[in-house]
N, C-alpha and C. Protein backbone atom coordinates (compact mmCIF):
# COMPACT_ATOMS: atom_id res chain seq x y z
N MET A 1 94.66 86.39 122.21
CA MET A 1 95.55 87.52 122.11
C MET A 1 96.97 87.01 121.83
N TYR A 2 97.64 87.59 120.84
CA TYR A 2 99.00 87.20 120.48
C TYR A 2 99.98 87.79 121.49
N ASP A 3 100.91 86.99 121.95
CA ASP A 3 101.92 87.45 122.90
C ASP A 3 103.15 87.91 122.14
N TYR A 4 103.27 89.20 121.91
CA TYR A 4 104.39 89.74 121.14
C TYR A 4 105.70 89.72 121.92
N THR A 5 105.63 89.51 123.23
CA THR A 5 106.87 89.42 124.00
C THR A 5 107.50 88.03 123.88
N GLN A 6 106.73 87.07 123.43
CA GLN A 6 107.22 85.71 123.25
C GLN A 6 106.90 85.23 121.84
N ALA A 7 107.24 86.04 120.87
CA ALA A 7 106.93 85.71 119.48
C ALA A 7 107.63 84.41 119.08
N LYS A 8 106.89 83.50 118.51
CA LYS A 8 107.47 82.27 117.98
C LYS A 8 106.72 81.95 116.70
N MET A 9 107.50 81.86 115.64
CA MET A 9 106.91 81.58 114.33
C MET A 9 107.58 80.35 113.76
N ASN A 10 106.89 79.64 112.88
CA ASN A 10 107.52 78.50 112.22
C ASN A 10 108.41 79.02 111.09
N ASP A 11 109.26 78.15 110.60
CA ASP A 11 110.25 78.55 109.60
C ASP A 11 109.62 79.08 108.33
N ASP A 12 108.51 78.51 107.89
CA ASP A 12 107.84 79.00 106.68
C ASP A 12 107.35 80.43 106.87
N ALA A 13 106.78 80.72 108.01
CA ALA A 13 106.29 82.07 108.29
C ALA A 13 107.45 83.06 108.36
N ILE A 14 108.55 82.64 108.95
CA ILE A 14 109.72 83.53 109.05
C ILE A 14 110.30 83.79 107.67
N ARG A 15 110.35 82.76 106.81
CA ARG A 15 110.88 82.94 105.45
C ARG A 15 110.06 83.95 104.65
N ALA A 16 108.80 84.11 105.00
CA ALA A 16 107.93 85.06 104.29
C ALA A 16 108.25 86.51 104.65
N ILE A 17 109.02 86.72 105.70
CA ILE A 17 109.39 88.07 106.12
C ILE A 17 110.63 88.49 105.35
N SER A 18 110.63 89.69 104.83
CA SER A 18 111.78 90.18 104.07
C SER A 18 113.01 90.31 104.97
N SER A 19 114.16 90.32 104.35
CA SER A 19 115.41 90.52 105.10
C SER A 19 115.40 91.85 105.82
N ILE A 20 114.85 92.86 105.17
CA ILE A 20 114.76 94.17 105.81
C ILE A 20 113.82 94.10 107.02
N GLY A 21 112.75 93.33 106.92
CA GLY A 21 111.84 93.15 108.05
C GLY A 21 112.54 92.46 109.21
N LEU A 22 113.32 91.43 108.91
CA LEU A 22 114.08 90.74 109.96
C LEU A 22 115.08 91.69 110.61
N ALA A 23 115.76 92.49 109.78
CA ALA A 23 116.75 93.43 110.30
C ALA A 23 116.07 94.51 111.15
N HIS A 24 114.90 94.94 110.74
CA HIS A 24 114.14 95.94 111.50
C HIS A 24 113.85 95.42 112.91
N LEU A 25 113.38 94.20 112.99
CA LEU A 25 113.11 93.59 114.29
C LEU A 25 114.42 93.33 115.04
N GLY A 26 115.40 92.80 114.33
CA GLY A 26 116.69 92.49 114.96
C GLY A 26 117.39 93.71 115.51
N ASP A 27 117.20 94.86 114.88
CA ASP A 27 117.77 96.11 115.38
C ASP A 27 117.25 96.39 116.79
N ALA A 28 115.96 96.19 116.99
CA ALA A 28 115.37 96.42 118.32
C ALA A 28 115.85 95.39 119.33
N VAL A 29 115.94 94.13 118.90
CA VAL A 29 116.43 93.07 119.79
C VAL A 29 117.86 93.38 120.21
N TYR A 30 118.70 93.73 119.24
CA TYR A 30 120.11 94.02 119.51
C TYR A 30 120.24 95.23 120.45
N GLU A 31 119.48 96.28 120.18
CA GLU A 31 119.59 97.47 121.03
C GLU A 31 119.13 97.17 122.45
N LEU A 32 118.10 96.37 122.61
CA LEU A 32 117.65 95.98 123.95
C LEU A 32 118.74 95.19 124.67
N LEU A 33 119.42 94.30 123.96
CA LEU A 33 120.52 93.55 124.56
C LEU A 33 121.63 94.48 125.01
N VAL A 34 121.99 95.43 124.16
CA VAL A 34 123.06 96.38 124.49
C VAL A 34 122.67 97.22 125.71
N ARG A 35 121.46 97.73 125.72
CA ARG A 35 121.03 98.56 126.85
C ARG A 35 121.00 97.75 128.14
N THR A 36 120.53 96.51 128.04
CA THR A 36 120.51 95.64 129.22
C THR A 36 121.93 95.37 129.70
N TYR A 37 122.82 95.04 128.77
CA TYR A 37 124.23 94.78 129.09
C TYR A 37 124.84 95.97 129.84
N LEU A 38 124.64 97.17 129.31
CA LEU A 38 125.23 98.36 129.92
C LEU A 38 124.67 98.62 131.31
N CYS A 39 123.38 98.44 131.49
CA CYS A 39 122.77 98.66 132.81
C CYS A 39 123.19 97.59 133.82
N VAL A 40 123.17 96.34 133.39
CA VAL A 40 123.51 95.24 134.29
C VAL A 40 124.96 95.33 134.76
N HIS A 41 125.85 95.75 133.85
CA HIS A 41 127.27 95.82 134.18
C HIS A 41 127.71 97.19 134.67
N GLY A 42 126.75 98.10 134.83
CA GLY A 42 127.09 99.43 135.34
C GLY A 42 128.14 100.14 134.52
N LYS A 43 128.11 99.91 133.21
CA LYS A 43 129.15 100.47 132.33
C LYS A 43 129.09 101.98 132.22
N ALA A 44 127.92 102.55 132.39
CA ALA A 44 127.80 104.00 132.24
C ALA A 44 126.54 104.48 132.94
N THR A 45 126.52 105.75 133.23
CA THR A 45 125.34 106.35 133.83
C THR A 45 125.03 107.66 133.12
N GLY A 46 123.79 108.10 133.21
CA GLY A 46 123.41 109.38 132.63
C GLY A 46 123.71 109.51 131.16
N LYS A 47 124.31 110.64 130.79
CA LYS A 47 124.63 110.91 129.40
C LYS A 47 125.61 109.87 128.84
N GLY A 48 126.47 109.37 129.69
CA GLY A 48 127.43 108.36 129.26
C GLY A 48 126.76 107.07 128.83
N LEU A 49 125.61 106.78 129.40
CA LEU A 49 124.86 105.58 129.03
C LEU A 49 124.39 105.67 127.59
N HIS A 50 123.90 106.83 127.20
CA HIS A 50 123.47 107.02 125.80
C HIS A 50 124.67 106.91 124.86
N ARG A 51 125.76 107.55 125.21
CA ARG A 51 126.97 107.49 124.36
C ARG A 51 127.47 106.06 124.21
N ALA A 52 127.50 105.33 125.31
CA ALA A 52 127.97 103.95 125.26
C ALA A 52 127.05 103.09 124.39
N THR A 53 125.75 103.34 124.48
CA THR A 53 124.79 102.60 123.64
C THR A 53 125.04 102.90 122.18
N VAL A 54 125.14 104.17 121.84
CA VAL A 54 125.36 104.57 120.44
C VAL A 54 126.65 103.95 119.91
N GLU A 55 127.67 103.91 120.75
CA GLU A 55 128.96 103.34 120.34
C GLU A 55 128.83 101.86 119.97
N LEU A 56 127.99 101.13 120.69
CA LEU A 56 127.84 99.70 120.44
C LEU A 56 126.82 99.36 119.36
N VAL A 57 125.89 100.27 119.08
CA VAL A 57 124.88 99.96 118.07
C VAL A 57 125.18 100.57 116.70
N CYS A 58 126.26 101.33 116.58
CA CYS A 58 126.60 101.94 115.29
C CYS A 58 127.05 100.85 114.31
N ALA A 59 126.87 101.13 113.04
CA ALA A 59 127.17 100.15 111.99
C ALA A 59 128.62 99.66 112.02
N PRO A 60 129.63 100.53 112.17
CA PRO A 60 131.00 100.01 112.20
C PRO A 60 131.24 99.00 113.33
N GLN A 61 130.68 99.27 114.52
CA GLN A 61 130.86 98.33 115.63
C GLN A 61 130.09 97.04 115.37
N GLN A 62 128.88 97.15 114.85
CA GLN A 62 128.12 95.94 114.52
C GLN A 62 128.85 95.12 113.47
N ALA A 63 129.49 95.78 112.52
CA ALA A 63 130.25 95.07 111.48
C ALA A 63 131.41 94.30 112.10
N ARG A 64 132.10 94.93 113.07
CA ARG A 64 133.20 94.23 113.76
C ARG A 64 132.66 93.02 114.52
N PHE A 65 131.53 93.19 115.20
CA PHE A 65 130.93 92.07 115.92
C PHE A 65 130.51 90.97 114.95
N ALA A 66 129.98 91.34 113.80
CA ALA A 66 129.56 90.35 112.80
C ALA A 66 130.76 89.52 112.36
N GLU A 67 131.88 90.17 112.10
CA GLU A 67 133.10 89.45 111.70
C GLU A 67 133.53 88.47 112.79
N LYS A 68 133.38 88.88 114.04
CA LYS A 68 133.75 88.03 115.17
C LYS A 68 132.86 86.79 115.25
N LEU A 69 131.58 86.95 114.89
CA LEU A 69 130.62 85.85 115.01
C LEU A 69 130.59 84.91 113.81
N LEU A 70 130.96 85.40 112.64
CA LEU A 70 130.81 84.59 111.42
C LEU A 70 131.33 83.17 111.54
N PRO A 71 132.52 82.94 112.11
CA PRO A 71 133.00 81.56 112.21
C PRO A 71 132.16 80.67 113.13
N LEU A 72 131.34 81.27 113.98
CA LEU A 72 130.56 80.52 114.96
C LEU A 72 129.16 80.17 114.47
N LEU A 73 128.76 80.73 113.33
CA LEU A 73 127.38 80.56 112.87
C LEU A 73 127.14 79.20 112.23
N THR A 74 125.96 78.68 112.45
CA THR A 74 125.54 77.45 111.77
C THR A 74 125.29 77.79 110.30
N GLU A 75 125.07 76.78 109.50
CA GLU A 75 124.78 77.00 108.08
C GLU A 75 123.52 77.85 107.90
N ASP A 76 122.47 77.54 108.65
CA ASP A 76 121.22 78.31 108.56
C ASP A 76 121.42 79.75 109.01
N GLU A 77 122.15 79.94 110.10
CA GLU A 77 122.41 81.29 110.60
C GLU A 77 123.23 82.09 109.59
N ALA A 78 124.23 81.46 109.01
CA ALA A 78 125.06 82.14 108.01
C ALA A 78 124.23 82.53 106.80
N SER A 79 123.30 81.69 106.43
CA SER A 79 122.41 81.99 105.30
C SER A 79 121.54 83.21 105.60
N VAL A 80 120.99 83.28 106.80
CA VAL A 80 120.18 84.43 107.20
C VAL A 80 121.04 85.69 107.21
N PHE A 81 122.26 85.58 107.75
CA PHE A 81 123.17 86.72 107.77
C PHE A 81 123.44 87.22 106.35
N ARG A 82 123.75 86.30 105.44
CA ARG A 82 124.04 86.69 104.05
C ARG A 82 122.82 87.34 103.40
N ARG A 83 121.64 86.78 103.66
CA ARG A 83 120.41 87.35 103.12
C ARG A 83 120.23 88.79 103.60
N GLY A 84 120.49 89.03 104.86
CA GLY A 84 120.40 90.38 105.40
C GLY A 84 121.48 91.29 104.86
N ARG A 85 122.68 90.78 104.78
CA ARG A 85 123.81 91.57 104.27
C ARG A 85 123.57 91.98 102.82
N ASN A 86 122.97 91.09 102.05
CA ASN A 86 122.76 91.35 100.62
C ASN A 86 121.44 92.04 100.32
N ALA A 87 120.69 92.40 101.35
CA ALA A 87 119.40 93.07 101.14
C ALA A 87 119.63 94.40 100.42
N ASN A 88 118.67 94.77 99.62
CA ASN A 88 118.76 95.99 98.83
C ASN A 88 118.36 97.19 99.69
N VAL A 89 119.36 97.78 100.34
CA VAL A 89 119.14 98.94 101.20
C VAL A 89 119.39 100.18 100.37
N HIS A 90 118.45 101.10 100.37
CA HIS A 90 118.54 102.27 99.50
C HIS A 90 119.31 103.44 100.09
N SER A 91 119.33 103.56 101.39
CA SER A 91 120.05 104.69 101.97
C SER A 91 120.97 104.21 103.08
N ILE A 92 122.19 104.70 103.02
CA ILE A 92 123.22 104.36 104.01
C ILE A 92 123.48 105.61 104.84
N PRO A 93 123.50 105.51 106.17
CA PRO A 93 123.81 106.69 106.99
C PRO A 93 125.18 107.27 106.62
N HIS A 94 125.31 108.57 106.73
CA HIS A 94 126.55 109.24 106.32
C HIS A 94 127.75 108.82 107.15
N HIS A 95 127.55 108.33 108.36
CA HIS A 95 128.65 107.95 109.23
C HIS A 95 129.11 106.50 109.03
N ALA A 96 128.51 105.79 108.08
CA ALA A 96 128.85 104.38 107.86
C ALA A 96 129.17 104.16 106.39
N ASP A 97 130.13 103.27 106.14
CA ASP A 97 130.35 102.92 104.74
C ASP A 97 129.45 101.75 104.37
N ARG A 98 129.30 101.52 103.09
CA ARG A 98 128.36 100.52 102.59
C ARG A 98 128.67 99.12 103.14
N ALA A 99 129.93 98.72 103.15
CA ALA A 99 130.30 97.37 103.61
C ALA A 99 129.92 97.17 105.08
N ASP A 100 130.24 98.16 105.92
CA ASP A 100 129.89 98.05 107.34
C ASP A 100 128.38 98.01 107.53
N TYR A 101 127.68 98.85 106.79
CA TYR A 101 126.22 98.91 106.93
C TYR A 101 125.58 97.59 106.50
N GLN A 102 126.12 96.98 105.46
CA GLN A 102 125.58 95.70 105.00
C GLN A 102 125.82 94.61 106.03
N LYS A 103 127.02 94.58 106.63
CA LYS A 103 127.30 93.59 107.68
C LYS A 103 126.40 93.83 108.89
N ALA A 104 126.21 95.10 109.25
CA ALA A 104 125.33 95.42 110.38
C ALA A 104 123.90 94.96 110.10
N THR A 105 123.45 95.16 108.87
CA THR A 105 122.10 94.71 108.50
C THR A 105 122.01 93.19 108.57
N GLY A 106 123.06 92.50 108.15
CA GLY A 106 123.09 91.04 108.26
C GLY A 106 123.01 90.58 109.70
N LEU A 107 123.77 91.24 110.58
CA LEU A 107 123.75 90.90 112.00
C LEU A 107 122.36 91.13 112.59
N GLU A 108 121.75 92.25 112.25
CA GLU A 108 120.42 92.55 112.76
C GLU A 108 119.39 91.55 112.24
N ALA A 109 119.51 91.17 110.98
CA ALA A 109 118.59 90.16 110.41
C ALA A 109 118.72 88.85 111.18
N LEU A 110 119.95 88.48 111.51
CA LEU A 110 120.19 87.25 112.27
C LEU A 110 119.50 87.32 113.63
N PHE A 111 119.65 88.44 114.34
CA PHE A 111 119.02 88.57 115.65
C PHE A 111 117.50 88.58 115.53
N GLY A 112 116.97 89.19 114.48
CA GLY A 112 115.52 89.16 114.26
C GLY A 112 115.02 87.75 114.00
N TRP A 113 115.76 87.00 113.19
CA TRP A 113 115.41 85.62 112.85
C TRP A 113 115.43 84.74 114.11
N LEU A 114 116.49 84.87 114.90
CA LEU A 114 116.58 84.08 116.12
C LEU A 114 115.45 84.43 117.10
N TYR A 115 115.12 85.70 117.17
CA TYR A 115 114.03 86.13 118.06
C TYR A 115 112.71 85.50 117.64
N LEU A 116 112.42 85.54 116.35
CA LEU A 116 111.15 84.97 115.87
C LEU A 116 111.11 83.45 116.01
N ARG A 117 112.27 82.82 116.06
CA ARG A 117 112.32 81.38 116.30
C ARG A 117 112.26 81.07 117.80
N ASP A 118 112.22 82.12 118.61
CA ASP A 118 112.18 81.99 120.07
C ASP A 118 113.44 81.31 120.60
N ASP A 119 114.55 81.58 119.94
CA ASP A 119 115.83 80.95 120.31
C ASP A 119 116.64 81.91 121.17
N HIS A 120 116.12 82.19 122.35
CA HIS A 120 116.76 83.13 123.25
C HIS A 120 118.12 82.63 123.73
N ALA A 121 118.28 81.34 123.87
CA ALA A 121 119.57 80.80 124.31
C ALA A 121 120.66 81.12 123.29
N ARG A 122 120.34 80.97 122.01
CA ARG A 122 121.33 81.26 120.97
C ARG A 122 121.60 82.76 120.87
N ILE A 123 120.56 83.57 121.02
CA ILE A 123 120.76 85.02 121.03
C ILE A 123 121.74 85.39 122.14
N ASN A 124 121.52 84.86 123.34
CA ASN A 124 122.40 85.15 124.47
C ASN A 124 123.81 84.64 124.23
N GLU A 125 123.93 83.45 123.67
CA GLU A 125 125.25 82.88 123.40
C GLU A 125 126.03 83.79 122.44
N LEU A 126 125.41 84.18 121.35
CA LEU A 126 126.09 85.02 120.37
C LEU A 126 126.39 86.40 120.94
N PHE A 127 125.44 86.98 121.65
CA PHE A 127 125.67 88.31 122.22
C PHE A 127 126.81 88.28 123.23
N ASN A 128 126.84 87.25 124.07
CA ASN A 128 127.93 87.14 125.05
C ASN A 128 129.28 86.98 124.37
N ARG A 129 129.32 86.24 123.27
CA ARG A 129 130.57 86.10 122.52
C ARG A 129 131.00 87.45 121.94
N MET A 130 130.04 88.24 121.49
CA MET A 130 130.36 89.57 120.96
C MET A 130 130.97 90.44 122.05
N MET A 131 130.46 90.34 123.25
CA MET A 131 130.90 91.22 124.34
C MET A 131 132.19 90.75 125.01
N GLU A 132 132.60 89.51 124.75
CA GLU A 132 133.85 89.01 125.34
C GLU A 132 135.01 89.88 124.89
N ASP A 133 135.84 90.25 125.84
CA ASP A 133 137.04 91.03 125.55
C ASP A 133 136.75 92.31 124.79
N ASP A 134 135.53 92.84 124.93
CA ASP A 134 135.17 94.06 124.21
C ASP A 134 135.53 95.27 125.06
N ASN A 135 136.32 96.15 124.47
CA ASN A 135 136.71 97.37 125.16
C ASN A 135 136.02 98.59 124.57
N ALA A 136 134.90 98.36 123.88
CA ALA A 136 134.20 99.46 123.23
C ALA A 136 133.51 100.37 124.23
N THR A 137 133.24 99.88 125.43
CA THR A 137 132.52 100.72 126.39
C THR A 137 133.42 101.19 127.49
């Protein structure tokens, strides 16, 4: 039985996944991190918890976080980010502009890639850097 909670794939298998596929997975990884962060730090309760989550997972906020992380990325991580950012996305939500949405997709692709590599330490390192000095919540 495959353990989907501890997914680990080799680099060749990960390269076979489309950028959109990585972003799809990374979106879930990122949202789980945000929800965990908010609960652990008691940032909000009830309806406020949903609002705080939406505020942190929206494309403009993810784009700001991506800009914050770019200087910290390794060459491989930056390549995955660019691949995700440059993915051919056909529909952009009305509340996001194309540039922000592309950066958000790049960030999500990066988190998906790190998750499939089972690099939880790096995921935590980058997420913690994103949350440093963050007044979004």
